Amino acid sequence: MNIQALLSEKVSQALIAAGAPADCEPQVRQSAKVQFGDYQANGVMAVAKKLGMPPATAR
């Protein structure tokens, strides 16, 4: 398993633990801007909004 797949699995598990549907698939990819880290997980804020969570708690 590569690091991107591992991160995707972990983010998915965290989203499910927070109440997201079991079929949620976070989009983990290499970060476009290196100053923000090596990888980014897109869609987390959108899932938080659907769950009625404040966006700041989804970070």
N, C-alpha and C. Protein backbone atom coordinates (compact mmCIF):
# COMPACT_ATOMS: atom_id res chain seq x y z
N MET A 1 0.86 -1.18 0.00
CA MET A 1 0.00 0.00 0.00
C MET A 1 0.90 1.24 0.00
N ASN A 2 0.57 2.19 -0.85
CA ASN A 2 1.37 3.41 -0.89
C ASN A 2 0.81 4.44 0.09
N ILE A 3 1.55 5.51 0.33
CA ILE A 3 1.17 6.51 1.33
C ILE A 3 -0.15 7.19 0.97
N GLN A 4 -0.39 7.45 -0.29
CA GLN A 4 -1.63 8.12 -0.69
C GLN A 4 -2.84 7.23 -0.39
N ALA A 5 -2.74 5.96 -0.65
CA ALA A 5 -3.83 5.03 -0.36
C ALA A 5 -4.05 4.91 1.15
N LEU A 6 -2.96 4.88 1.91
CA LEU A 6 -3.06 4.81 3.36
C LEU A 6 -3.75 6.06 3.92
N LEU A 7 -3.35 7.23 3.43
CA LEU A 7 -3.98 8.47 3.87
C LEU A 7 -5.46 8.50 3.51
N SER A 8 -5.80 8.05 2.33
CA SER A 8 -7.19 8.01 1.90
C SER A 8 -8.01 7.12 2.82
N GLU A 9 -7.46 5.97 3.17
CA GLU A 9 -8.14 5.05 4.07
C GLU A 9 -8.36 5.68 5.44
N LYS A 10 -7.33 6.34 5.97
CA LYS A 10 -7.42 6.96 7.30
C LYS A 10 -8.41 8.12 7.31
N VAL A 11 -8.41 8.94 6.27
CA VAL A 11 -9.35 10.07 6.19
C VAL A 11 -10.77 9.52 6.08
N SER A 12 -10.97 8.49 5.30
CA SER A 12 -12.29 7.88 5.16
C SER A 12 -12.77 7.34 6.50
N GLN A 13 -11.90 6.67 7.24
CA GLN A 13 -12.26 6.15 8.56
C GLN A 13 -12.64 7.28 9.51
N ALA A 14 -11.91 8.38 9.47
CA ALA A 14 -12.20 9.53 10.33
C ALA A 14 -13.55 10.14 9.97
N LEU A 15 -13.84 10.25 8.68
CA LEU A 15 -15.13 10.80 8.25
C LEU A 15 -16.28 9.91 8.70
N ILE A 16 -16.12 8.61 8.56
CA ILE A 16 -17.16 7.68 8.98
C ILE A 16 -17.37 7.76 10.49
N ALA A 17 -16.28 7.85 11.24
CA ALA A 17 -16.37 7.99 12.70
C ALA A 17 -17.09 9.27 13.10
N ALA A 18 -17.00 10.29 12.25
CA ALA A 18 -17.67 11.57 12.52
C ALA A 18 -19.13 11.56 12.08
N GLY A 19 -19.56 10.49 11.42
CA GLY A 19 -20.95 10.38 11.02
C GLY A 19 -21.22 10.42 9.53
N ALA A 20 -20.18 10.47 8.73
CA ALA A 20 -20.35 10.49 7.28
C ALA A 20 -20.82 9.12 6.80
N PRO A 21 -21.48 9.05 5.65
CA PRO A 21 -21.91 7.76 5.11
C PRO A 21 -20.71 6.84 4.86
N ALA A 22 -20.93 5.55 4.98
CA ALA A 22 -19.85 4.57 4.82
C ALA A 22 -19.25 4.57 3.43
N ASP A 23 -19.99 5.07 2.44
CA ASP A 23 -19.48 5.07 1.07
C ASP A 23 -18.74 6.36 0.70
N CYS A 24 -18.46 7.21 1.68
CA CYS A 24 -17.75 8.45 1.37
C CYS A 24 -16.33 8.13 0.90
N GLU A 25 -15.88 8.85 -0.09
CA GLU A 25 -14.54 8.64 -0.63
C GLU A 25 -13.81 9.98 -0.70
N PRO A 26 -12.97 10.25 0.28
CA PRO A 26 -12.23 11.51 0.24
C PRO A 26 -11.25 11.52 -0.93
N GLN A 27 -11.02 12.68 -1.47
CA GLN A 27 -10.09 12.82 -2.58
C GLN A 27 -8.74 13.24 -2.03
N VAL A 28 -7.88 12.27 -1.77
CA VAL A 28 -6.54 12.55 -1.26
C VAL A 28 -5.60 12.58 -2.45
N ARG A 29 -4.87 13.67 -2.57
CA ARG A 29 -3.92 13.81 -3.68
C ARG A 29 -2.73 14.62 -3.22
N GLN A 30 -1.70 14.62 -4.04
CA GLN A 30 -0.52 15.42 -3.71
C GLN A 30 -0.91 16.88 -3.73
N SER A 31 -0.39 17.62 -2.76
CA SER A 31 -0.72 19.04 -2.64
C SER A 31 -0.17 19.82 -3.82
N ALA A 32 -0.97 20.76 -4.31
CA ALA A 32 -0.54 21.59 -5.44
C ALA A 32 0.50 22.61 -5.00
N LYS A 33 0.47 23.00 -3.73
CA LYS A 33 1.41 23.99 -3.21
C LYS A 33 2.19 23.37 -2.06
N VAL A 34 3.47 23.19 -2.26
CA VAL A 34 4.29 22.49 -1.27
C VAL A 34 4.32 23.17 0.08
N GLN A 35 4.07 24.48 0.13
CA GLN A 35 4.10 25.16 1.42
C GLN A 35 2.93 24.72 2.32
N PHE A 36 1.93 24.03 1.75
CA PHE A 36 0.80 23.55 2.53
C PHE A 36 0.91 22.07 2.89
N GLY A 37 2.00 21.44 2.55
CA GLY A 37 2.20 20.04 2.90
C GLY A 37 2.34 19.16 1.68
N ASP A 38 2.52 17.88 1.91
CA ASP A 38 2.74 16.92 0.83
C ASP A 38 1.43 16.44 0.20
N TYR A 39 0.38 16.31 1.01
CA TYR A 39 -0.90 15.80 0.53
C TYR A 39 -2.04 16.68 1.02
N GLN A 40 -3.16 16.62 0.30
CA GLN A 40 -4.36 17.33 0.71
C GLN A 40 -5.55 16.39 0.57
N ALA A 41 -6.54 16.60 1.42
CA ALA A 41 -7.76 15.79 1.37
C ALA A 41 -8.92 16.72 1.02
N ASN A 42 -9.38 16.65 -0.21
CA ASN A 42 -10.48 17.49 -0.66
C ASN A 42 -11.81 16.83 -0.30
N GLY A 43 -12.80 17.66 -0.06
CA GLY A 43 -14.13 17.16 0.23
C GLY A 43 -14.46 17.05 1.70
N VAL A 44 -13.48 17.20 2.57
CA VAL A 44 -13.72 17.08 4.01
C VAL A 44 -14.66 18.18 4.50
N MET A 45 -14.43 19.41 4.04
CA MET A 45 -15.28 20.53 4.45
C MET A 45 -16.71 20.33 3.95
N ALA A 46 -16.88 19.79 2.76
CA ALA A 46 -18.22 19.55 2.21
C ALA A 46 -18.96 18.51 3.05
N VAL A 47 -18.27 17.47 3.47
CA VAL A 47 -18.89 16.45 4.31
C VAL A 47 -19.27 17.06 5.66
N ALA A 48 -18.40 17.89 6.22
CA ALA A 48 -18.70 18.54 7.50
C ALA A 48 -19.97 19.39 7.38
N LYS A 49 -20.10 20.09 6.29
CA LYS A 49 -21.29 20.92 6.07
C LYS A 49 -22.55 20.06 6.01
N LYS A 50 -22.48 18.93 5.30
CA LYS A 50 -23.63 18.04 5.20
C LYS A 50 -24.01 17.46 6.57
N LEU A 51 -23.01 17.30 7.44
CA LEU A 51 -23.26 16.76 8.77
C LEU A 51 -23.68 17.83 9.76
N GLY A 52 -23.69 19.09 9.31
CA GLY A 52 -24.07 20.20 10.18
C GLY A 52 -22.99 20.61 11.15
N MET A 53 -21.75 20.27 10.83
CA MET A 53 -20.61 20.63 11.69
C MET A 53 -20.04 21.96 11.24
N PRO A 54 -19.55 22.77 12.19
CA PRO A 54 -18.86 23.99 11.79
C PRO A 54 -17.60 23.62 10.99
N PRO A 55 -17.30 24.34 9.92
CA PRO A 55 -16.13 24.00 9.10
C PRO A 55 -14.82 23.94 9.87
N ALA A 56 -14.65 24.76 10.88
CA ALA A 56 -13.40 24.77 11.64
C ALA A 56 -13.15 23.44 12.35
N THR A 57 -14.20 22.71 12.69
CA THR A 57 -14.01 21.43 13.37
C THR A 57 -13.62 20.32 12.42
N ALA A 58 -13.70 20.56 11.14
CA ALA A 58 -13.37 19.53 10.14
C ALA A 58 -11.90 19.54 9.74
N ARG A 59 -11.13 20.42 10.29
CA ARG A 59 -9.71 20.48 9.91
C ARG A 59 -8.90 19.41 10.54
